[in-house]
Amino acid sequence: MNTQTLFDRNRVILSHFDSYSTALVFARYGASILSSAPLPESAAPMPAPGDEAEHYDPAAVLDALVVQAGIEPAQLKLDDEFNVWMSSDSGPIRIHLVRFTTLDAPRQAIEPLGGVFKPISEMRGLPMVELNLMRQVFNLTMGG
């Protein structure tokens, strides 16, 4: 499966949490926090489908992200506890949470993608579905 097909059915939230300052930031690309594209307007939360085919495999998505973005794999950790699905006109879309493990948020790693790190407080104007995704990440990060 090629990378584009993989990202048609999957999106990635990149975040960084500084446990010392408890600062949680998200990579933002223009009007979205999702790599490699925002969700379609028709997207709505849904339960996980019964058959999670190989085109939703988290490890394959992480590998594709590393290749596409040129990010050092040792800097990233896939969060297995985050299991969010969205329905869309073209079928289910899985949302994956990937956390940077670096001491500081690696701003230079997402700049080539058009990304900047921002806290939740600076995310006004994003679609409500993405604001809700950030709230889920916040609850998982601060509660875990």
Protein backbone atom coordinates (compact mmCIF):
# COMPACT_ATOMS: atom_id res chain seq x y z
CA MET A 1 0.00 0.00 0.00
CA ASN A 2 1.42 3.37 -0.93
CA THR A 3 1.81 6.23 1.51
CA GLN A 4 -0.99 8.34 0.00
CA THR A 5 -3.53 5.51 0.33
CA LEU A 6 -2.37 4.96 3.89
CA PHE A 7 -2.89 8.64 4.78
CA ASP A 8 -6.30 8.66 3.06
CA ARG A 9 -7.46 6.29 5.81
CA ASN A 10 -5.30 7.53 8.69
CA ARG A 11 -4.34 10.83 10.30
CA VAL A 12 -1.67 11.59 12.88
CA ILE A 13 -1.62 14.01 15.80
CA LEU A 14 1.94 14.94 16.77
CA SER A 15 2.39 16.19 20.31
CA HIS A 16 5.09 16.89 22.87
CA PHE A 17 4.70 16.83 26.65
CA ASP A 18 7.30 18.39 28.92
CA SER A 19 6.89 16.59 32.24
CA TYR A 20 9.01 19.20 34.03
CA SER A 21 6.86 22.19 33.10
CA THR A 22 3.72 20.13 32.27
CA ALA A 23 3.53 21.92 28.94
CA LEU A 24 1.59 20.01 26.29
CA VAL A 25 1.93 21.28 22.72
CA PHE A 26 0.58 20.07 19.40
CA ALA A 27 1.96 20.35 15.89
CA ARG A 28 -0.33 22.66 13.93
CA TYR A 29 -0.34 22.86 10.14
CA GLY A 30 -2.32 25.94 9.16
CA ALA A 31 -5.92 25.23 10.14
CA SER A 32 -5.39 21.65 11.35
CA ILE A 33 -3.49 19.55 13.87
CA LEU A 34 -3.74 16.45 11.68
CA SER A 35 -1.00 15.17 9.45
CA SER A 36 -1.07 14.67 6.53
CA ALA A 37 -4.43 16.35 5.85
CA PRO A 38 -7.39 17.72 7.78
CA LEU A 39 -10.45 15.54 8.18
CA PRO A 40 -13.21 15.83 5.60
CA GLU A 41 -16.10 18.05 6.66
CA SER A 42 -18.33 14.97 6.90
CA ALA A 43 -16.11 13.37 9.58
CA ALA A 44 -17.78 12.36 12.83
CA PRO A 45 -16.69 10.16 15.76
CA MET A 46 -17.49 6.47 15.48
CA PRO A 47 -16.63 3.26 17.35
CA ALA A 48 -13.75 1.16 16.06
CA PRO A 49 -14.84 -1.03 13.15
CA GLY A 50 -14.92 -4.78 13.66
CA ASP A 51 -12.20 -5.48 11.13
CA GLU A 52 -9.17 -3.23 11.39
CA ALA A 53 -7.52 -4.07 8.09
CA GLU A 54 -3.81 -3.67 7.46
CA HIS A 55 -4.35 -0.16 6.05
CA TYR A 56 -5.01 1.00 9.63
CA ASP A 57 -1.88 -0.59 11.15
CA PRO A 58 -0.33 1.92 13.60
CA ALA A 59 3.24 0.72 12.97
CA ALA A 60 2.83 1.16 9.20
CA VAL A 61 1.40 4.66 9.73
CA LEU A 62 4.32 5.59 12.00
CA ASP A 63 6.82 4.25 9.44
CA ALA A 64 5.12 6.24 6.65
CA LEU A 65 5.17 9.39 8.79
CA VAL A 66 8.89 8.96 9.45
CA VAL A 67 9.59 8.61 5.72
CA GLN A 68 7.25 11.43 4.66
CA ALA A 69 8.41 13.92 7.30
CA GLY A 70 12.04 12.87 7.58
CA ILE A 71 11.79 12.68 11.37
CA GLU A 72 14.26 10.57 13.31
CA PRO A 73 12.29 7.46 14.44
CA ALA A 74 14.02 7.42 17.85
CA GLN A 75 12.33 10.78 18.60
CA LEU A 76 8.82 9.35 18.25
CA LYS A 77 6.56 7.09 20.28
CA LEU A 78 3.20 5.81 19.11
CA ASP A 79 0.58 6.02 21.87
CA ASP A 80 -1.28 2.69 21.83
CA GLU A 81 -3.87 3.92 24.35
CA PHE A 82 -5.24 6.50 21.93
CA ASN A 83 -7.78 4.68 19.75
CA VAL A 84 -10.02 7.15 17.93
CA TRP A 85 -12.00 6.59 14.75
CA MET A 86 -13.94 8.96 12.51
CA SER A 87 -16.53 8.12 9.90
CA SER A 88 -16.40 9.91 6.57
CA ASP A 89 -18.04 9.66 3.17
CA SER A 90 -15.05 7.64 1.94
CA GLY A 91 -15.00 5.24 4.91
CA PRO A 92 -13.49 5.05 8.40
CA ILE A 93 -10.44 7.13 9.28
CA ARG A 94 -8.22 6.17 12.20
CA ILE A 95 -6.56 8.91 14.24
CA HIS A 96 -3.15 8.03 15.70
CA LEU A 97 -1.34 9.89 18.47
CA VAL A 98 2.44 10.14 18.12
CA ARG A 99 4.46 11.81 20.85
CA PHE A 100 7.90 13.30 20.54
CA THR A 101 10.21 11.87 23.21
CA THR A 102 12.76 14.66 23.03
CA LEU A 103 13.53 16.89 26.00
CA ASP A 104 12.16 19.95 24.19
CA ALA A 105 9.57 20.15 21.42
CA PRO A 106 11.62 19.73 18.22
CA ARG A 107 10.34 22.72 16.31
CA GLN A 108 12.84 22.19 13.49
CA ALA A 109 11.44 18.69 12.86
CA ILE A 110 7.99 19.94 11.86
CA GLU A 111 8.95 23.22 10.18
CA PRO A 112 9.57 21.54 6.79
CA LEU A 113 5.99 20.23 6.99
CA GLY A 114 4.65 23.74 7.54
CA GLY A 115 4.08 22.98 11.21
CA VAL A 116 4.53 24.90 14.42
CA PHE A 117 4.02 23.73 18.00
CA LYS A 118 1.16 25.42 19.85
CA PRO A 119 -0.56 24.86 23.20
CA ILE A 120 -4.29 24.21 23.31
CA SER A 121 -4.88 27.80 24.41
CA GLU A 122 -3.70 28.98 20.96
CA MET A 123 -5.88 26.63 18.94
CA ARG A 124 -9.02 28.73 18.63
CA GLY A 125 -10.52 28.59 15.18
CA LEU A 126 -9.82 24.90 14.56
CA PRO A 127 -12.76 22.65 13.66
CA MET A 128 -14.69 21.45 16.73
CA VAL A 129 -13.85 17.83 15.95
CA GLU A 130 -10.12 18.65 16.21
CA LEU A 131 -10.60 20.63 19.42
CA ASN A 132 -12.30 17.54 20.86
CA LEU A 133 -9.39 15.36 19.73
CA MET A 134 -6.97 17.67 21.57
CA ARG A 135 -9.13 17.45 24.68
CA GLN A 136 -8.91 13.66 24.51
CA VAL A 137 -5.12 13.83 24.16
CA PHE A 138 -4.95 16.30 27.05
CA ASN A 139 -7.05 14.00 29.28
CA LEU A 140 -4.95 10.96 28.34
CA THR A 141 -1.66 12.81 28.90
CA MET A 142 -2.57 14.47 32.18
CA GLY A 143 -4.53 11.51 33.51
CA GLY A 144 -1.90 8.92 32.65
